[in-house]
């Protein structure tokens, strides 16, 4: 697929995320997808490496039951071949404490044959830790 097609795929995934359409996202993942947000800490239940659709589904469940999204606005998309990089403005609220987090997320996706096979995300872990463990 072209770089532009890959960007469109990621845009559609972001739209599905905002609608809560996890099944739609699962449909565009490779069977053995390698997915991780913040692999060096476990301060949040959605952090850490995951492999395969079932584990990625658990990622979305952990995030969704912990946080409520107030803003999720993709600001930058860049692609080179099968890789797509994004910057997303994000504001969330911890469901238990009510604390709000505001940050830019950085996402790196790799696609093969029209499916997402690899994802890495980074976020402000200090903000997350403060919100989850005041």
Protein backbone atom coordinates (compact mmCIF):
# COMPACT_ATOMS: atom_id res chain seq x y z
CA UNK A 1 0.00 0.00 0.00
CA UNK A 2 1.07 3.58 -0.52
CA UNK A 3 2.11 5.95 2.23
CA UNK A 4 -1.10 7.94 1.65
CA UNK A 5 -3.21 4.77 1.96
CA UNK A 6 -1.44 3.89 5.19
CA UNK A 7 -2.17 7.35 6.61
CA UNK A 8 -5.84 6.96 5.67
CA UNK A 9 -5.90 3.60 7.47
CA UNK A 10 -4.56 5.17 10.67
CA UNK A 11 -7.00 8.08 10.38
CA UNK A 12 -9.85 5.57 10.16
CA UNK A 13 -8.51 3.75 13.25
CA UNK A 14 -8.52 7.01 15.19
CA UNK A 15 -12.12 7.62 14.12
CA UNK A 16 -13.04 4.10 15.27
CA UNK A 17 -11.30 4.73 18.60
CA UNK A 18 -13.36 7.88 19.16
CA UNK A 19 -16.56 5.94 18.41
CA UNK A 20 -15.56 3.12 20.76
CA UNK A 21 -15.41 0.69 17.83
CA UNK A 22 -12.78 -1.72 19.15
CA UNK A 23 -14.05 -4.49 16.86
CA UNK A 24 -13.37 -2.27 13.86
CA UNK A 25 -9.83 -1.69 15.05
CA UNK A 26 -9.31 -5.42 15.62
CA UNK A 27 -10.32 -6.03 12.00
CA UNK A 28 -7.35 -4.02 10.71
CA UNK A 29 -4.72 -5.65 12.94
CA UNK A 30 -2.46 -8.47 11.86
CA UNK A 31 -3.07 -11.72 13.77
CA UNK A 32 0.26 -11.51 15.60
CA UNK A 33 0.31 -7.71 16.03
CA UNK A 34 3.06 -6.37 18.31
CA UNK A 35 1.53 -3.51 20.35
CA UNK A 36 2.96 -1.48 23.21
CA UNK A 37 2.62 1.80 25.03
CA UNK A 38 5.39 2.75 27.44
CA UNK A 39 7.24 -0.54 27.66
CA UNK A 40 9.55 0.50 30.50
CA UNK A 41 6.95 1.09 33.22
CA UNK A 42 3.76 -0.49 34.48
CA UNK A 43 2.33 2.60 36.20
CA UNK A 44 -0.85 2.34 34.08
CA UNK A 45 -2.87 -0.80 33.36
CA UNK A 46 -2.64 -0.24 29.60
CA UNK A 47 1.17 0.04 29.60
CA UNK A 48 3.47 -2.72 28.47
CA UNK A 49 3.96 -5.00 25.49
CA UNK A 50 1.08 -6.99 24.03
CA UNK A 51 1.01 -9.58 21.29
CA UNK A 52 -2.00 -10.60 19.22
CA UNK A 53 -5.52 -9.26 18.89
CA UNK A 54 -6.79 -10.57 22.25
CA UNK A 55 -4.06 -8.73 24.15
CA UNK A 56 -4.62 -5.54 22.13
CA UNK A 57 -8.32 -5.77 22.93
CA UNK A 58 -7.36 -6.01 26.62
CA UNK A 59 -5.26 -2.84 26.15
CA UNK A 60 -8.30 -0.91 24.93
CA UNK A 61 -10.44 -2.30 27.75
CA UNK A 62 -7.86 -1.34 30.38
CA UNK A 63 -7.57 2.16 29.00
CA UNK A 64 -11.33 2.62 28.60
CA UNK A 65 -12.23 1.46 32.08
CA UNK A 66 -9.53 3.67 33.63
CA UNK A 67 -9.73 6.84 31.55
CA UNK A 68 -12.37 8.97 29.85
CA UNK A 69 -11.32 10.80 26.69
CA UNK A 70 -12.20 14.50 26.51
CA UNK A 71 -10.07 15.35 23.46
CA UNK A 72 -8.25 13.16 20.95
CA UNK A 73 -7.16 15.28 18.01
CA UNK A 74 -4.61 13.99 15.51
CA UNK A 75 -2.41 16.95 14.55
CA UNK A 76 0.40 15.47 12.43
CA UNK A 77 0.66 12.49 10.11
CA UNK A 78 3.86 11.46 8.35
CA UNK A 79 4.52 8.29 6.41
CA UNK A 80 7.45 6.57 4.81
CA UNK A 81 6.67 3.31 3.09
CA UNK A 82 4.92 1.03 5.59
CA UNK A 83 5.55 3.29 8.61
CA UNK A 84 3.18 6.00 9.84
CA UNK A 85 4.09 8.46 12.59
CA UNK A 86 1.50 10.65 14.30
CA UNK A 87 1.23 13.28 16.97
CA UNK A 88 -2.12 13.42 18.77
CA UNK A 89 -3.32 16.09 21.20
CA UNK A 90 -5.01 14.21 24.01
CA UNK A 91 -6.90 15.22 27.13
CA UNK A 92 -8.25 12.48 29.37
CA UNK A 93 -9.75 12.18 32.82
CA UNK A 94 -9.03 9.44 35.34
CA UNK A 95 -12.43 7.92 36.11
CA UNK A 96 -11.68 7.23 39.79
CA UNK A 97 -9.90 10.44 40.83
CA UNK A 98 -11.31 12.89 38.29
CA UNK A 99 -7.80 14.18 37.61
CA UNK A 100 -7.26 15.50 34.10
CA UNK A 101 -4.25 14.81 31.90
CA UNK A 102 -3.30 16.86 28.85
CA UNK A 103 -0.45 15.85 26.57
CA UNK A 104 0.73 15.06 23.09
CA UNK A 105 0.92 11.37 22.22
CA UNK A 106 3.47 10.07 19.72
CA UNK A 107 2.46 6.97 17.76
CA UNK A 108 4.44 4.78 15.36
CA UNK A 109 2.55 2.23 13.27
CA UNK A 110 3.92 -0.32 10.82
CA UNK A 111 1.56 -1.80 8.25
CA UNK A 112 1.97 -4.88 6.08
CA UNK A 113 -0.51 -5.86 3.38
CA UNK A 114 -3.00 -3.30 4.65
CA UNK A 115 -2.92 -4.46 8.29
CA UNK A 116 -1.28 -2.94 11.36
CA UNK A 117 1.47 -5.31 12.48
CA UNK A 118 3.40 -3.12 14.91
CA UNK A 119 2.55 -0.17 17.16
CA UNK A 120 4.51 1.85 19.70
CA UNK A 121 3.11 4.78 21.63
CA UNK A 122 4.66 7.21 24.07
CA UNK A 123 3.00 9.55 26.51
CA UNK A 124 3.82 11.65 29.57
CA UNK A 125 4.23 8.90 32.18
CA UNK A 126 4.73 11.40 35.02
CA UNK A 127 1.29 12.91 34.40
CA UNK A 128 -0.25 9.46 34.20
CA UNK A 129 1.41 8.36 37.44
CA UNK A 130 0.20 11.50 39.24
CA UNK A 131 -3.36 10.98 38.06
CA UNK A 132 -3.53 7.29 38.83
CA UNK A 133 -1.59 7.30 42.11
CA UNK A 134 -2.01 10.69 43.81
